[in-house]
Amino acid sequence: MEENITIDQIKEAIKNMLSERLSVKFNLETCSDDDNLILNLGLESVDILELVVALEDNWKFIINDDELQLDSFTSINKIANFVFKKACECK
């Protein structure tokens, strides 16, 4: 992961991943970074797993099975915070 990356940059990258890898349309006018991706965008468990793979590929870390708590992947903000924390651990 880049040295001084911000949470906002992580959020933008996550939105791009959702759009490119999962074909999810994240409309900034109608969705907030706190919206539940499962309830509001219809993400399913297989989509979350695909997102986990994308996060690992993009930021070059491994998400262990014990870290796969669904609640950590239900909103852009929660995913961004998870990625930021994980990246800090890997330094």
N, C-alpha and C. Protein backbone atom coordinates (compact mmCIF):
# COMPACT_ATOMS: atom_id res chain seq x y z
N MET A 1 0.84 -1.17 0.00
CA MET A 1 0.00 0.00 0.00
C MET A 1 0.88 1.23 0.00
N GLU A 2 0.41 2.28 -0.65
CA GLU A 2 1.17 3.51 -0.70
C GLU A 2 1.43 4.04 0.69
N GLU A 3 2.54 4.73 0.84
CA GLU A 3 2.90 5.25 2.15
C GLU A 3 1.84 6.21 2.67
N ASN A 4 1.55 7.28 2.31
CA ASN A 4 0.67 8.24 2.96
C ASN A 4 -0.72 8.28 2.35
N ILE A 5 -1.30 7.13 2.12
CA ILE A 5 -2.64 7.08 1.54
C ILE A 5 -3.66 7.50 2.60
N THR A 6 -4.69 8.18 2.15
CA THR A 6 -5.73 8.66 3.06
C THR A 6 -6.94 7.73 3.02
N ILE A 7 -7.77 7.87 4.02
CA ILE A 7 -9.02 7.11 4.06
C ILE A 7 -9.86 7.44 2.83
N ASP A 8 -9.89 8.70 2.43
CA ASP A 8 -10.69 9.09 1.25
C ASP A 8 -10.18 8.40 -0.01
N GLN A 9 -8.87 8.26 -0.14
CA GLN A 9 -8.32 7.55 -1.30
C GLN A 9 -8.69 6.07 -1.26
N ILE A 10 -8.69 5.50 -0.07
CA ILE A 10 -9.09 4.10 0.09
C ILE A 10 -10.56 3.94 -0.29
N LYS A 11 -11.41 4.85 0.17
CA LYS A 11 -12.84 4.79 -0.16
C LYS A 11 -13.05 4.85 -1.67
N GLU A 12 -12.35 5.75 -2.33
CA GLU A 12 -12.49 5.88 -3.78
C GLU A 12 -12.06 4.60 -4.48
N ALA A 13 -10.98 4.00 -4.03
CA ALA A 13 -10.51 2.74 -4.61
C ALA A 13 -11.53 1.62 -4.40
N ILE A 14 -12.15 1.58 -3.23
CA ILE A 14 -13.16 0.56 -2.94
C ILE A 14 -14.36 0.74 -3.85
N LYS A 15 -14.80 1.97 -4.04
CA LYS A 15 -15.93 2.24 -4.94
C LYS A 15 -15.60 1.79 -6.35
N ASN A 16 -14.37 2.05 -6.78
CA ASN A 16 -13.94 1.59 -8.12
C ASN A 16 -13.95 0.07 -8.21
N MET A 17 -13.49 -0.60 -7.15
CA MET A 17 -13.50 -2.07 -7.14
C MET A 17 -14.92 -2.61 -7.24
N LEU A 18 -15.81 -2.01 -6.46
CA LEU A 18 -17.21 -2.45 -6.50
C LEU A 18 -17.78 -2.29 -7.90
N SER A 19 -17.46 -1.18 -8.52
CA SER A 19 -17.98 -0.89 -9.84
C SER A 19 -17.36 -1.79 -10.91
N GLU A 20 -16.03 -1.95 -10.86
CA GLU A 20 -15.33 -2.70 -11.91
C GLU A 20 -15.41 -4.21 -11.73
N ARG A 21 -15.20 -4.70 -10.53
CA ARG A 21 -15.14 -6.15 -10.31
C ARG A 21 -16.49 -6.77 -10.03
N LEU A 22 -17.40 -5.99 -9.46
CA LEU A 22 -18.70 -6.54 -9.10
C LEU A 22 -19.85 -5.91 -9.88
N SER A 23 -19.53 -4.97 -10.74
CA SER A 23 -20.55 -4.27 -11.53
C SER A 23 -21.61 -3.61 -10.66
N VAL A 24 -21.19 -3.11 -9.50
CA VAL A 24 -22.09 -2.39 -8.62
C VAL A 24 -22.01 -0.91 -8.97
N LYS A 25 -23.14 -0.30 -9.11
CA LYS A 25 -23.18 1.14 -9.40
C LYS A 25 -23.37 1.89 -8.09
N PHE A 26 -22.30 2.52 -7.65
CA PHE A 26 -22.34 3.29 -6.41
C PHE A 26 -22.61 4.73 -6.77
N ASN A 27 -23.86 5.16 -6.61
CA ASN A 27 -24.28 6.50 -6.98
C ASN A 27 -24.04 7.44 -5.79
N LEU A 28 -23.11 8.34 -5.94
CA LEU A 28 -22.75 9.24 -4.86
C LEU A 28 -23.89 10.15 -4.44
N GLU A 29 -24.85 10.38 -5.35
CA GLU A 29 -25.96 11.25 -5.03
C GLU A 29 -27.00 10.56 -4.16
N THR A 30 -27.10 9.25 -4.27
CA THR A 30 -28.14 8.53 -3.52
C THR A 30 -27.57 7.61 -2.44
N CYS A 31 -26.29 7.33 -2.47
CA CYS A 31 -25.68 6.43 -1.49
C CYS A 31 -24.62 7.17 -0.70
N SER A 32 -24.58 6.88 0.59
CA SER A 32 -23.52 7.46 1.40
C SER A 32 -22.50 6.38 1.73
N ASP A 33 -21.39 6.80 2.26
CA ASP A 33 -20.34 5.85 2.62
C ASP A 33 -20.73 4.99 3.81
N ASP A 34 -21.82 5.34 4.49
CA ASP A 34 -22.30 4.55 5.62
C ASP A 34 -23.45 3.61 5.24
N ASP A 35 -23.96 3.73 4.02
CA ASP A 35 -25.06 2.86 3.59
C ASP A 35 -24.64 1.40 3.62
N ASN A 36 -25.58 0.55 4.00
CA ASN A 36 -25.34 -0.88 4.06
C ASN A 36 -25.32 -1.44 2.64
N LEU A 37 -24.17 -1.96 2.24
CA LEU A 37 -24.00 -2.46 0.87
C LEU A 37 -24.84 -3.71 0.61
N ILE A 38 -25.11 -4.47 1.64
CA ILE A 38 -25.88 -5.70 1.48
C ILE A 38 -27.36 -5.35 1.31
N LEU A 39 -27.87 -4.51 2.19
CA LEU A 39 -29.28 -4.14 2.13
C LEU A 39 -29.59 -3.17 0.99
N ASN A 40 -28.75 -2.16 0.81
CA ASN A 40 -29.05 -1.10 -0.15
C ASN A 40 -28.62 -1.42 -1.58
N LEU A 41 -27.52 -2.15 -1.74
CA LEU A 41 -27.03 -2.45 -3.08
C LEU A 41 -27.21 -3.92 -3.47
N GLY A 42 -27.66 -4.71 -2.53
CA GLY A 42 -27.94 -6.11 -2.84
C GLY A 42 -26.72 -7.01 -2.94
N LEU A 43 -25.60 -6.63 -2.30
CA LEU A 43 -24.44 -7.51 -2.32
C LEU A 43 -24.77 -8.80 -1.59
N GLU A 44 -24.26 -9.90 -2.12
CA GLU A 44 -24.44 -11.21 -1.52
C GLU A 44 -23.10 -11.71 -1.00
N SER A 45 -23.11 -12.84 -0.31
CA SER A 45 -21.88 -13.36 0.29
C SER A 45 -20.80 -13.60 -0.75
N VAL A 46 -21.15 -14.06 -1.92
CA VAL A 46 -20.14 -14.29 -2.96
C VAL A 46 -19.53 -12.96 -3.42
N ASP A 47 -20.34 -11.90 -3.41
CA ASP A 47 -19.82 -10.58 -3.76
C ASP A 47 -18.82 -10.09 -2.72
N ILE A 48 -19.12 -10.36 -1.45
CA ILE A 48 -18.20 -9.96 -0.38
C ILE A 48 -16.88 -10.72 -0.53
N LEU A 49 -16.95 -11.99 -0.84
CA LEU A 49 -15.72 -12.77 -1.04
C LEU A 49 -14.91 -12.24 -2.23
N GLU A 50 -15.59 -11.86 -3.29
CA GLU A 50 -14.90 -11.27 -4.45
C GLU A 50 -14.26 -9.95 -4.06
N LEU A 51 -14.94 -9.18 -3.23
CA LEU A 51 -14.38 -7.93 -2.74
C LEU A 51 -13.14 -8.18 -1.89
N VAL A 52 -13.18 -9.20 -1.05
CA VAL A 52 -12.02 -9.55 -0.22
C VAL A 52 -10.82 -9.87 -1.11
N VAL A 53 -11.04 -10.64 -2.16
CA VAL A 53 -9.95 -10.97 -3.10
C VAL A 53 -9.42 -9.68 -3.75
N ALA A 54 -10.31 -8.80 -4.13
CA ALA A 54 -9.90 -7.53 -4.76
C ALA A 54 -9.08 -6.68 -3.79
N LEU A 55 -9.50 -6.64 -2.52
CA LEU A 55 -8.76 -5.88 -1.51
C LEU A 55 -7.36 -6.46 -1.33
N GLU A 56 -7.28 -7.78 -1.24
CA GLU A 56 -5.98 -8.44 -1.08
C GLU A 56 -5.08 -8.17 -2.28
N ASP A 57 -5.64 -8.26 -3.47
CA ASP A 57 -4.85 -8.01 -4.69
C ASP A 57 -4.37 -6.56 -4.76
N ASN A 58 -5.26 -5.65 -4.45
CA ASN A 58 -4.95 -4.23 -4.59
C ASN A 58 -3.93 -3.75 -3.56
N TRP A 59 -4.09 -4.19 -2.31
CA TRP A 59 -3.22 -3.68 -1.25
C TRP A 59 -2.17 -4.68 -0.79
N LYS A 60 -2.09 -5.80 -1.45
CA LYS A 60 -1.00 -6.77 -1.22
C LYS A 60 -0.90 -7.23 0.24
N PHE A 61 -2.05 -7.53 0.83
CA PHE A 61 -2.06 -8.17 2.13
C PHE A 61 -3.01 -9.35 2.10
N ILE A 62 -2.97 -10.15 3.13
CA ILE A 62 -3.83 -11.33 3.23
C ILE A 62 -4.83 -11.11 4.36
N ILE A 63 -6.09 -11.36 4.05
CA ILE A 63 -7.13 -11.29 5.06
C ILE A 63 -7.36 -12.71 5.56
N ASN A 64 -7.05 -12.94 6.82
CA ASN A 64 -7.19 -14.27 7.40
C ASN A 64 -8.66 -14.60 7.67
N ASP A 65 -8.95 -15.88 7.75
CA ASP A 65 -10.32 -16.33 7.99
C ASP A 65 -10.92 -15.71 9.24
N ASP A 66 -10.12 -15.58 10.29
CA ASP A 66 -10.65 -15.02 11.54
C ASP A 66 -10.94 -13.52 11.44
N GLU A 67 -10.48 -12.88 10.38
CA GLU A 67 -10.76 -11.46 10.17
C GLU A 67 -12.01 -11.24 9.31
N LEU A 68 -12.54 -12.30 8.77
CA LEU A 68 -13.69 -12.20 7.88
C LEU A 68 -15.00 -12.09 8.67
N GLN A 69 -15.18 -10.95 9.28
CA GLN A 69 -16.41 -10.65 10.00
C GLN A 69 -17.30 -9.82 9.08
N LEU A 70 -18.48 -10.33 8.78
CA LEU A 70 -19.35 -9.67 7.82
C LEU A 70 -19.55 -8.19 8.13
N ASP A 71 -19.64 -7.86 9.40
CA ASP A 71 -19.87 -6.47 9.78
C ASP A 71 -18.77 -5.53 9.28
N SER A 72 -17.56 -6.04 9.09
CA SER A 72 -16.45 -5.20 8.60
C SER A 72 -16.58 -4.85 7.13
N PHE A 73 -17.52 -5.49 6.44
CA PHE A 73 -17.63 -5.32 4.99
C PHE A 73 -19.02 -4.85 4.55
N THR A 74 -19.75 -4.20 5.45
CA THR A 74 -21.11 -3.81 5.12
C THR A 74 -21.27 -2.38 4.62
N SER A 75 -20.24 -1.57 4.71
CA SER A 75 -20.32 -0.20 4.19
C SER A 75 -18.94 0.23 3.68
N ILE A 76 -18.94 1.25 2.87
CA ILE A 76 -17.68 1.78 2.36
C ILE A 76 -16.79 2.22 3.52
N ASN A 77 -17.37 2.92 4.50
CA ASN A 77 -16.58 3.38 5.64
C ASN A 77 -15.97 2.23 6.43
N LYS A 78 -16.76 1.19 6.67
CA LYS A 78 -16.24 0.06 7.44
C LYS A 78 -15.14 -0.67 6.67
N ILE A 79 -15.32 -0.83 5.38
CA ILE A 79 -14.29 -1.49 4.57
C ILE A 79 -13.02 -0.65 4.55
N ALA A 80 -13.18 0.66 4.37
CA ALA A 80 -12.01 1.56 4.33
C ALA A 80 -11.25 1.52 5.65
N ASN A 81 -11.97 1.53 6.76
CA ASN A 81 -11.31 1.46 8.07
C ASN A 81 -10.60 0.13 8.25
N PHE A 82 -11.22 -0.94 7.80
CA PHE A 82 -10.59 -2.26 7.87
C PHE A 82 -9.30 -2.28 7.06
N VAL A 83 -9.35 -1.77 5.83
CA VAL A 83 -8.17 -1.75 4.96
C VAL A 83 -7.07 -0.90 5.59
N PHE A 84 -7.42 0.27 6.10
CA PHE A 84 -6.43 1.15 6.70
C PHE A 84 -5.75 0.47 7.89
N LYS A 85 -6.55 -0.14 8.75
CA LYS A 85 -5.99 -0.83 9.92
C LYS A 85 -5.11 -2.00 9.48
N LYS A 86 -5.58 -2.77 8.52
CA LYS A 86 -4.83 -3.93 8.03
C LYS A 86 -3.51 -3.48 7.41
N ALA A 87 -3.55 -2.42 6.64
CA ALA A 87 -2.34 -1.93 5.99
C ALA A 87 -1.33 -1.43 7.02
N CYS A 88 -1.81 -0.82 8.09
CA CYS A 88 -0.91 -0.34 9.15
C CYS A 88 -0.24 -1.52 9.85
N GLU A 89 -0.97 -2.63 10.02
CA GLU A 89 -0.41 -3.82 10.64
C GLU A 89 0.68 -4.44 9.78
N CYS A 90 0.56 -4.27 8.48
CA CYS A 90 1.49 -4.93 7.55
C CYS A 90 2.78 -4.14 7.35
N LYS A 91 2.84 -2.93 7.86
CA LYS A 91 4.05 -2.11 7.66
C LYS A 91 5.20 -2.63 8.46
